[in-house]
Amino acid sequence: MPFMIGRSPIRRTVNYLNAGRLILKNEIQIFSVNYNTHGDHHKGTRDFVFWHLSQVQYKNPNVQVITFKNMTPTPFITCYYDNGKRMLIDLDSRSKEDILHHLTKVVGKSSETLLQESITMKKKDNPANFGVGCLRSCMCLIPGQVPCPAIVPLPYHMRGKYRNGPPEDEL
């Protein structure tokens, strides 16, 4: 299988890409990483780019991710926001785990925000759902459905107590 050839082919699997923990805030438009391919103080940044940058790209499809190699004496990340401001994050002599933890804390969404968004998206991703927090508040808003019984009473032949008759206990 040619898909699994090369350096660390696990990085090309969907399970690996979905395992990424860094989901950037909605305000971030561009995420740029500057590092060198040589030097000890760039090692953590090189490892971060090798192992985690594809996950960042996969989890943040609306963010432009750029890498600049061999253009700077020290490694850093620049995050450009939609209001024109930017944030500079120094990565000098940090390990890839430290970088990921720091980015998650500084420019990543909090776990509470992610939980709230996942609940909202689960309700809104299926058009058959209705109720509070969904696209439709009531079933009667869907074309072809029976109107709300509170507004228009149901005909007798559609009501269960008239169609099925009274329970045998009441006879």
N, C-alpha and C. Protein backbone atom coordinates (compact mmCIF):
# COMPACT_ATOMS: atom_id res chain seq x y z
N MET A 1 0.85 -1.17 0.00
CA MET A 1 0.00 0.00 0.00
C MET A 1 0.89 1.24 0.00
N PRO A 2 0.90 2.03 -1.07
CA PRO A 2 1.82 3.16 -1.16
C PRO A 2 1.49 4.28 -0.18
N PHE A 3 0.29 4.28 0.37
CA PHE A 3 -0.10 5.33 1.32
C PHE A 3 0.75 5.29 2.59
N MET A 4 1.20 4.11 2.98
CA MET A 4 1.93 3.95 4.23
C MET A 4 3.45 3.94 4.05
N ILE A 5 3.95 4.53 2.97
CA ILE A 5 5.39 4.60 2.72
C ILE A 5 5.88 5.99 3.13
N GLY A 6 7.09 6.05 3.65
CA GLY A 6 7.69 7.34 3.98
C GLY A 6 7.96 7.48 5.46
N ARG A 7 8.38 8.69 5.86
CA ARG A 7 8.68 8.95 7.26
C ARG A 7 7.40 9.06 8.06
N SER A 8 7.27 8.25 9.06
CA SER A 8 6.13 8.25 9.98
C SER A 8 4.79 8.29 9.25
N PRO A 9 4.42 7.23 8.58
CA PRO A 9 3.18 7.24 7.81
C PRO A 9 1.92 7.36 8.68
N ILE A 10 2.06 7.18 9.98
CA ILE A 10 0.91 7.32 10.88
C ILE A 10 0.34 8.72 10.81
N ARG A 11 1.18 9.71 10.45
CA ARG A 11 0.72 11.10 10.39
C ARG A 11 -0.30 11.33 9.28
N ARG A 12 -0.43 10.38 8.35
CA ARG A 12 -1.35 10.56 7.23
C ARG A 12 -2.70 9.89 7.46
N THR A 13 -2.93 9.31 8.61
CA THR A 13 -4.19 8.63 8.86
C THR A 13 -5.21 9.62 9.45
N VAL A 14 -6.47 9.37 9.19
CA VAL A 14 -7.53 10.25 9.67
C VAL A 14 -7.65 10.17 11.18
N ASN A 15 -7.42 9.00 11.75
CA ASN A 15 -7.48 8.87 13.21
C ASN A 15 -6.43 9.75 13.88
N TYR A 16 -5.24 9.81 13.30
CA TYR A 16 -4.19 10.65 13.86
C TYR A 16 -4.56 12.13 13.72
N LEU A 17 -5.10 12.52 12.58
CA LEU A 17 -5.47 13.92 12.38
C LEU A 17 -6.61 14.33 13.30
N ASN A 18 -7.55 13.45 13.56
CA ASN A 18 -8.66 13.76 14.47
C ASN A 18 -8.21 13.84 15.92
N ALA A 19 -7.07 13.26 16.25
CA ALA A 19 -6.58 13.25 17.64
C ALA A 19 -5.96 14.58 18.05
N GLY A 20 -5.86 15.54 17.16
CA GLY A 20 -5.27 16.83 17.50
C GLY A 20 -6.06 17.55 18.58
N ARG A 21 -5.35 18.18 19.52
CA ARG A 21 -6.01 18.85 20.63
C ARG A 21 -6.07 20.35 20.47
N LEU A 22 -5.33 20.91 19.51
CA LEU A 22 -5.26 22.37 19.37
C LEU A 22 -6.30 22.84 18.37
N ILE A 23 -7.37 23.45 18.88
CA ILE A 23 -8.39 24.07 18.04
C ILE A 23 -8.32 25.56 18.33
N LEU A 24 -7.95 26.33 17.32
CA LEU A 24 -7.70 27.76 17.49
C LEU A 24 -9.00 28.53 17.65
N LYS A 25 -8.88 29.70 18.28
CA LYS A 25 -10.04 30.57 18.46
C LYS A 25 -10.54 31.06 17.10
N ASN A 26 -11.81 31.43 17.06
CA ASN A 26 -12.43 31.85 15.80
C ASN A 26 -11.82 33.12 15.23
N GLU A 27 -11.23 33.96 16.06
CA GLU A 27 -10.69 35.24 15.61
C GLU A 27 -9.39 35.11 14.85
N ILE A 28 -8.72 33.97 14.95
CA ILE A 28 -7.41 33.80 14.31
C ILE A 28 -7.61 33.47 12.84
N GLN A 29 -6.96 34.24 11.96
CA GLN A 29 -7.06 34.05 10.53
C GLN A 29 -5.83 33.35 9.95
N ILE A 30 -4.64 33.73 10.45
CA ILE A 30 -3.38 33.18 9.92
C ILE A 30 -2.53 32.71 11.10
N PHE A 31 -1.91 31.55 10.94
CA PHE A 31 -1.05 30.94 11.96
C PHE A 31 0.28 30.65 11.27
N SER A 32 1.32 31.43 11.57
CA SER A 32 2.60 31.24 10.88
C SER A 32 3.66 30.75 11.88
N VAL A 33 4.48 29.81 11.43
CA VAL A 33 5.55 29.24 12.24
C VAL A 33 6.88 29.55 11.55
N ASN A 34 7.81 30.14 12.28
CA ASN A 34 9.14 30.47 11.78
C ASN A 34 10.17 29.65 12.55
N TYR A 35 11.01 28.92 11.83
CA TYR A 35 12.03 28.10 12.48
C TYR A 35 13.13 27.79 11.49
N ASN A 36 14.23 27.25 12.00
CA ASN A 36 15.36 26.82 11.17
C ASN A 36 15.42 25.29 11.16
N THR A 37 16.00 24.74 10.11
CA THR A 37 16.12 23.29 10.02
C THR A 37 17.34 22.77 10.78
N HIS A 38 18.21 23.65 11.25
CA HIS A 38 19.40 23.27 12.02
C HIS A 38 19.43 24.08 13.30
N GLY A 39 20.08 23.53 14.31
CA GLY A 39 20.24 24.22 15.58
C GLY A 39 19.48 23.52 16.69
N ASP A 40 20.11 23.52 17.89
CA ASP A 40 19.50 22.83 19.02
C ASP A 40 18.28 23.56 19.57
N HIS A 41 18.30 24.89 19.56
CA HIS A 41 17.16 25.62 20.13
C HIS A 41 15.95 25.65 19.19
N HIS A 42 16.07 25.09 17.99
CA HIS A 42 14.94 24.97 17.06
C HIS A 42 14.36 23.55 17.05
N LYS A 43 14.96 22.63 17.81
CA LYS A 43 14.55 21.22 17.75
C LYS A 43 13.09 21.02 18.16
N GLY A 44 12.64 21.65 19.23
CA GLY A 44 11.26 21.50 19.67
C GLY A 44 10.27 22.02 18.64
N THR A 45 10.63 23.12 17.99
CA THR A 45 9.75 23.67 16.96
C THR A 45 9.71 22.76 15.73
N ARG A 46 10.86 22.20 15.35
CA ARG A 46 10.88 21.26 14.23
C ARG A 46 10.00 20.04 14.54
N ASP A 47 10.12 19.52 15.76
CA ASP A 47 9.30 18.37 16.15
C ASP A 47 7.82 18.74 16.19
N PHE A 48 7.50 19.94 16.66
CA PHE A 48 6.11 20.38 16.68
C PHE A 48 5.54 20.45 15.27
N VAL A 49 6.33 21.00 14.34
CA VAL A 49 5.87 21.09 12.94
C VAL A 49 5.70 19.70 12.36
N PHE A 50 6.64 18.81 12.65
CA PHE A 50 6.59 17.45 12.09
C PHE A 50 5.39 16.67 12.61
N TRP A 51 5.12 16.76 13.92
CA TRP A 51 4.10 15.92 14.53
C TRP A 51 2.73 16.57 14.66
N HIS A 52 2.66 17.87 14.89
CA HIS A 52 1.39 18.49 15.25
C HIS A 52 0.82 19.47 14.23
N LEU A 53 1.62 19.96 13.30
CA LEU A 53 1.12 20.98 12.39
C LEU A 53 0.02 20.44 11.46
N SER A 54 0.14 19.21 11.03
CA SER A 54 -0.91 18.64 10.18
C SER A 54 -2.23 18.51 10.95
N GLN A 55 -2.15 18.21 12.25
CA GLN A 55 -3.36 18.16 13.07
C GLN A 55 -3.98 19.54 13.22
N VAL A 56 -3.14 20.56 13.38
CA VAL A 56 -3.65 21.94 13.49
C VAL A 56 -4.35 22.33 12.20
N GLN A 57 -3.77 22.00 11.06
CA GLN A 57 -4.39 22.31 9.77
C GLN A 57 -5.71 21.57 9.61
N TYR A 58 -5.75 20.32 10.01
CA TYR A 58 -6.96 19.52 9.84
C TYR A 58 -8.09 20.00 10.75
N LYS A 59 -7.76 20.34 11.99
CA LYS A 59 -8.78 20.77 12.95
C LYS A 59 -9.24 22.20 12.74
N ASN A 60 -8.48 23.01 12.01
CA ASN A 60 -8.81 24.42 11.79
C ASN A 60 -8.85 24.70 10.28
N PRO A 61 -9.90 24.29 9.60
CA PRO A 61 -9.92 24.43 8.13
C PRO A 61 -10.03 25.87 7.65
N ASN A 62 -10.48 26.80 8.49
CA ASN A 62 -10.64 28.19 8.08
C ASN A 62 -9.44 29.05 8.41
N VAL A 63 -8.37 28.44 8.91
CA VAL A 63 -7.16 29.18 9.28
C VAL A 63 -6.06 28.85 8.28
N GLN A 64 -5.39 29.90 7.80
CA GLN A 64 -4.26 29.70 6.90
C GLN A 64 -3.02 29.39 7.74
N VAL A 65 -2.38 28.27 7.50
CA VAL A 65 -1.20 27.85 8.25
C VAL A 65 0.01 27.96 7.32
N ILE A 66 1.02 28.73 7.77
CA ILE A 66 2.20 28.99 6.95
C ILE A 66 3.44 28.61 7.77
N THR A 67 4.44 28.04 7.12
CA THR A 67 5.73 27.79 7.76
C THR A 67 6.82 28.52 6.97
N PHE A 68 7.70 29.16 7.71
CA PHE A 68 8.87 29.83 7.12
C PHE A 68 10.11 29.14 7.67
N LYS A 69 10.92 28.56 6.79
CA LYS A 69 12.12 27.85 7.22
C LYS A 69 13.36 28.68 6.92
N ASN A 70 14.32 28.61 7.83
CA ASN A 70 15.65 29.20 7.68
C ASN A 70 15.60 30.69 7.34
N MET A 71 14.74 31.43 8.02
CA MET A 71 14.64 32.87 7.79
C MET A 71 14.81 33.68 9.08
N THR A 72 15.02 33.01 10.21
CA THR A 72 15.03 33.71 11.49
C THR A 72 16.08 33.11 12.41
N PRO A 73 16.68 33.90 13.29
CA PRO A 73 17.64 33.32 14.24
C PRO A 73 16.97 32.58 15.40
N THR A 74 15.74 32.94 15.75
CA THR A 74 15.03 32.27 16.84
C THR A 74 13.67 31.80 16.35
N PRO A 75 13.19 30.66 16.85
CA PRO A 75 11.88 30.17 16.42
C PRO A 75 10.74 30.93 17.11
N PHE A 76 9.68 31.19 16.36
CA PHE A 76 8.51 31.86 16.93
C PHE A 76 7.28 31.56 16.09
N ILE A 77 6.12 31.80 16.69
CA ILE A 77 4.83 31.66 16.01
C ILE A 77 4.14 33.01 16.04
N THR A 78 3.54 33.40 14.92
CA THR A 78 2.77 34.62 14.85
C THR A 78 1.34 34.26 14.50
N CYS A 79 0.40 34.75 15.30
CA CYS A 79 -1.02 34.55 15.05
C CYS A 79 -1.62 35.89 14.64
N TYR A 80 -2.22 35.94 13.47
CA TYR A 80 -2.84 37.16 12.96
C TYR A 80 -4.35 37.06 13.18
N TYR A 81 -4.91 38.08 13.85
CA TYR A 81 -6.33 38.10 14.17
C TYR A 81 -7.12 38.83 13.09
N ASP A 82 -8.43 38.65 13.10
CA ASP A 82 -9.27 39.27 12.08
C ASP A 82 -9.43 40.77 12.28
N ASN A 83 -9.08 41.31 13.45
CA ASN A 83 -9.18 42.76 13.67
C ASN A 83 -7.88 43.48 13.31
N GLY A 84 -6.91 42.79 12.73
CA GLY A 84 -5.67 43.42 12.30
C GLY A 84 -4.52 43.28 13.28
N LYS A 85 -4.78 42.85 14.49
CA LYS A 85 -3.72 42.68 15.49
C LYS A 85 -3.04 41.34 15.29
N ARG A 86 -1.88 41.19 15.91
CA ARG A 86 -1.16 39.93 15.83
C ARG A 86 -0.51 39.61 17.17
N MET A 87 -0.27 38.33 17.40
CA MET A 87 0.35 37.87 18.64
C MET A 87 1.61 37.10 18.28
N LEU A 88 2.70 37.43 18.95
CA LEU A 88 3.99 36.80 18.72
C LEU A 88 4.28 35.87 19.90
N ILE A 89 4.59 34.60 19.63
CA ILE A 89 4.85 33.62 20.66
C ILE A 89 6.26 33.07 20.46
N ASP A 90 7.12 33.26 21.46
CA ASP A 90 8.50 32.80 21.38
C ASP A 90 8.58 31.32 21.70
N LEU A 91 9.32 30.56 20.89
CA LEU A 91 9.45 29.11 21.06
C LEU A 91 10.88 28.68 21.29
N ASP A 92 11.76 29.58 21.64
CA ASP A 92 13.18 29.28 21.76
C ASP A 92 13.43 28.24 22.84
N SER A 93 14.06 27.13 22.46
CA SER A 93 14.49 26.03 23.35
C SER A 93 13.32 25.37 24.08
N ARG A 94 12.15 25.30 23.48
CA ARG A 94 11.00 24.62 24.08
C ARG A 94 10.82 23.26 23.40
N SER A 95 10.27 22.32 24.16
CA SER A 95 9.97 21.00 23.58
C SER A 95 8.62 21.06 22.87
N LYS A 96 8.33 20.06 22.06
CA LYS A 96 7.07 20.07 21.31
C LYS A 96 5.87 19.96 22.24
N GLU A 97 5.99 19.26 23.37
CA GLU A 97 4.90 19.17 24.32
C GLU A 97 4.65 20.51 24.99
N ASP A 98 5.74 21.22 25.35
CA ASP A 98 5.59 22.55 25.95
C ASP A 98 4.93 23.52 24.97
N ILE A 99 5.31 23.44 23.72
CA ILE A 99 4.74 24.32 22.70
C ILE A 99 3.25 24.04 22.55
N LEU A 100 2.88 22.77 22.45
CA LEU A 100 1.48 22.41 22.29
C LEU A 100 0.66 22.83 23.50
N HIS A 101 1.17 22.61 24.69
CA HIS A 101 0.46 23.00 25.91
C HIS A 101 0.29 24.52 25.98
N HIS A 102 1.34 25.26 25.66
CA HIS A 102 1.28 26.72 25.71
C HIS A 102 0.31 27.27 24.67
N LEU A 103 0.35 26.73 23.45
CA LEU A 103 -0.57 27.20 22.41
C LEU A 103 -2.02 26.86 22.76
N THR A 104 -2.26 25.71 23.33
CA THR A 104 -3.61 25.34 23.73
C THR A 104 -4.14 26.31 24.78
N LYS A 105 -3.27 26.71 25.68
CA LYS A 105 -3.67 27.62 26.75
C LYS A 105 -3.85 29.05 26.25
N VAL A 106 -3.01 29.50 25.32
CA VAL A 106 -3.01 30.91 24.91
C VAL A 106 -3.95 31.18 23.73
N VAL A 107 -3.83 30.43 22.64
CA VAL A 107 -4.62 30.71 21.44
C VAL A 107 -5.66 29.64 21.14
N GLY A 108 -5.76 28.61 21.96
CA GLY A 108 -6.73 27.56 21.73
C GLY A 108 -8.04 27.83 22.45
N LYS A 109 -9.08 27.17 22.00
CA LYS A 109 -10.38 27.29 22.65
C LYS A 109 -10.35 26.50 23.95
N SER A 110 -11.07 26.99 24.95
CA SER A 110 -11.12 26.29 26.23
C SER A 110 -12.00 25.04 26.10
N SER A 111 -11.86 24.14 27.04
CA SER A 111 -12.63 22.89 26.99
C SER A 111 -14.12 23.16 27.17
N GLU A 112 -14.48 24.19 27.94
CA GLU A 112 -15.88 24.53 28.12
C GLU A 112 -16.48 25.03 26.80
N THR A 113 -15.73 25.85 26.06
CA THR A 113 -16.20 26.35 24.78
C THR A 113 -16.36 25.21 23.78
N LEU A 114 -15.39 24.30 23.76
CA LEU A 114 -15.48 23.15 22.85
C LEU A 114 -16.67 22.26 23.17
N LEU A 115 -16.95 22.06 24.47
CA LEU A 115 -18.08 21.25 24.87
C LEU A 115 -19.39 21.90 24.45
N GLN A 116 -19.50 23.22 24.67
CA GLN A 116 -20.71 23.95 24.29
C GLN A 116 -20.92 23.91 22.78
N GLU A 117 -19.84 24.08 22.00
CA GLU A 117 -19.95 24.05 20.54
C GLU A 117 -20.33 22.66 20.04
N SER A 118 -19.81 21.62 20.67
CA SER A 118 -20.13 20.27 20.22
C SER A 118 -21.60 19.95 20.48
N ILE A 119 -22.13 20.41 21.60
CA ILE A 119 -23.55 20.18 21.90
C ILE A 119 -24.42 20.92 20.89
N THR A 120 -24.06 22.17 20.60
CA THR A 120 -24.82 22.98 19.66
C THR A 120 -24.76 22.38 18.26
N MET A 121 -23.57 21.93 17.84
CA MET A 121 -23.42 21.38 16.49
C MET A 121 -24.16 20.05 16.33
N LYS A 122 -24.22 19.24 17.39
CA LYS A 122 -24.93 17.97 17.30
C LYS A 122 -26.42 18.21 17.06
N LYS A 123 -26.94 19.26 17.68
CA LYS A 123 -28.36 19.57 17.48
C LYS A 123 -28.61 20.18 16.12
N LYS A 124 -27.71 21.02 15.64
CA LYS A 124 -27.95 21.75 14.41
C LYS A 124 -27.50 21.00 13.16
N ASP A 125 -26.71 19.96 13.29
CA ASP A 125 -26.22 19.29 12.09
C ASP A 125 -27.27 18.39 11.45
N ASN A 126 -28.30 18.00 12.18
CA ASN A 126 -29.34 17.14 11.63
C ASN A 126 -30.62 17.94 11.45
N PRO A 127 -31.11 18.11 10.22
CA PRO A 127 -32.32 18.92 10.02
C PRO A 127 -33.58 18.26 10.58
N ALA A 128 -33.51 16.98 10.95
CA ALA A 128 -34.68 16.33 11.52
C ALA A 128 -34.88 16.68 12.99
N ASN A 129 -33.87 17.25 13.64
CA ASN A 129 -34.01 17.63 15.04
C ASN A 129 -34.84 18.89 15.16
N PHE A 130 -35.63 18.97 16.21
CA PHE A 130 -36.37 20.19 16.48
C PHE A 130 -36.47 20.36 17.99
N GLY A 131 -36.64 21.60 18.43
CA GLY A 131 -36.72 21.93 19.84
C GLY A 131 -35.77 23.06 20.16
N VAL A 132 -35.49 23.26 21.44
CA VAL A 132 -34.62 24.35 21.90
C VAL A 132 -33.20 24.11 21.42
N GLY A 133 -32.58 25.10 20.80
CA GLY A 133 -31.21 25.02 20.32
C GLY A 133 -31.06 24.40 18.95
N CYS A 134 -32.14 24.05 18.30
CA CYS A 134 -32.09 23.45 16.96
C CYS A 134 -32.54 24.47 15.93
N LEU A 135 -32.49 24.08 14.67
CA LEU A 135 -32.88 24.98 13.60
C LEU A 135 -34.37 25.32 13.66
N ARG A 136 -35.20 24.37 14.06
CA ARG A 136 -36.65 24.59 14.15
C ARG A 136 -37.09 24.40 15.59
N SER A 137 -37.95 25.28 16.06
CA SER A 137 -38.40 25.17 17.45
C SER A 137 -39.54 24.17 17.61
N CYS A 138 -40.28 23.92 16.52
CA CYS A 138 -41.43 23.03 16.62
C CYS A 138 -41.54 22.19 15.35
N MET A 139 -42.14 21.03 15.48
CA MET A 139 -42.32 20.13 14.34
C MET A 139 -43.26 20.71 13.30
N CYS A 140 -44.19 21.57 13.74
CA CYS A 140 -45.19 22.11 12.82
C CYS A 140 -44.59 23.11 11.83
N LEU A 141 -43.34 23.55 12.03
CA LEU A 141 -42.69 24.48 11.11
C LEU A 141 -42.19 23.80 9.84
N ILE A 142 -42.15 22.48 9.85
CA ILE A 142 -41.68 21.73 8.68
C ILE A 142 -42.84 21.60 7.71
N PRO A 143 -42.63 21.94 6.44
CA PRO A 143 -43.74 21.85 5.47
C PRO A 143 -44.27 20.43 5.35
N GLY A 144 -45.61 20.33 5.28
CA GLY A 144 -46.26 19.03 5.14
C GLY A 144 -46.62 18.38 6.45
N GLN A 145 -46.28 18.98 7.57
CA GLN A 145 -46.60 18.42 8.87
C GLN A 145 -47.92 18.98 9.38
N VAL A 146 -48.52 18.29 10.31
CA VAL A 146 -49.78 18.73 10.92
C VAL A 146 -49.49 19.96 11.77
N PRO A 147 -50.37 20.97 11.74
CA PRO A 147 -50.13 22.16 12.56
C PRO A 147 -50.19 21.84 14.05
N CYS A 148 -49.72 22.77 14.86
CA CYS A 148 -49.69 22.58 16.31
C CYS A 148 -51.10 22.36 16.86
N PRO A 149 -51.30 21.38 17.72
CA PRO A 149 -52.62 21.15 18.31
C PRO A 149 -53.07 22.31 19.20
N ALA A 150 -52.14 23.11 19.68
CA ALA A 150 -52.52 24.26 20.49
C ALA A 150 -53.20 25.33 19.65
N ILE A 151 -52.88 25.40 18.37
CA ILE A 151 -53.44 26.42 17.49
C ILE A 151 -54.64 25.86 16.73
N VAL A 152 -54.47 24.71 16.10
CA VAL A 152 -55.54 24.06 15.34
C VAL A 152 -55.78 22.69 15.95
N PRO A 153 -56.96 22.44 16.53
CA PRO A 153 -57.19 21.13 17.15
C PRO A 153 -57.16 20.01 16.11
N LEU A 154 -56.65 18.86 16.53
CA LEU A 154 -56.58 17.70 15.64
C LEU A 154 -57.99 17.17 15.37
N PRO A 155 -58.24 16.65 14.18
CA PRO A 155 -59.53 16.00 13.93
C PRO A 155 -59.69 14.76 14.81
N TYR A 156 -60.93 14.40 15.08
CA TYR A 156 -61.18 13.29 15.98
C TYR A 156 -60.58 11.99 15.47
N HIS A 157 -60.56 11.78 14.17
CA HIS A 157 -60.05 10.50 13.66
C HIS A 157 -58.53 10.38 13.81
N MET A 158 -57.84 11.49 14.16
CA MET A 158 -56.39 11.44 14.38
C MET A 158 -56.04 11.33 15.86
N ARG A 159 -57.01 11.40 16.72
CA ARG A 159 -56.76 11.30 18.16
C ARG A 159 -56.87 9.85 18.59
N GLY A 160 -55.94 9.41 19.39
CA GLY A 160 -55.90 8.01 19.80
C GLY A 160 -57.06 7.59 20.66
N LYS A 161 -57.56 8.46 21.54
CA LYS A 161 -58.62 8.03 22.44
C LYS A 161 -59.95 7.86 21.72
N TYR A 162 -60.11 8.51 20.58
CA TYR A 162 -61.34 8.31 19.81
C TYR A 162 -61.19 7.17 18.81
N ARG A 163 -59.98 7.00 18.25
CA ARG A 163 -59.76 5.96 17.27
C ARG A 163 -59.74 4.58 17.92
N ASN A 164 -59.07 4.47 19.04
CA ASN A 164 -58.91 3.17 19.70
C ASN A 164 -60.02 2.90 20.70
N GLY A 165 -60.79 3.87 21.05
CA GLY A 165 -61.85 3.69 22.02
C GLY A 165 -61.30 3.80 23.44
N PRO A 166 -62.16 3.85 24.41
CA PRO A 166 -61.70 3.96 25.81
C PRO A 166 -61.04 2.66 26.27
N PRO A 167 -60.12 2.74 27.22
CA PRO A 167 -59.49 1.54 27.73
C PRO A 167 -60.52 0.61 28.37
N GLU A 168 -60.22 -0.69 28.43
CA GLU A 168 -61.16 -1.67 28.97
C GLU A 168 -61.38 -1.47 30.45
N ASP A 169 -60.45 -0.81 31.15
CA ASP A 169 -60.59 -0.58 32.58
C ASP A 169 -61.76 0.35 32.85
N GLU A 170 -62.03 1.29 31.95
CA GLU A 170 -63.06 2.28 32.20
C GLU A 170 -64.45 1.78 31.82
N LEU A 171 -64.59 0.65 31.17
CA LEU A 171 -65.90 0.14 30.78
C LEU A 171 -66.64 -0.47 31.90
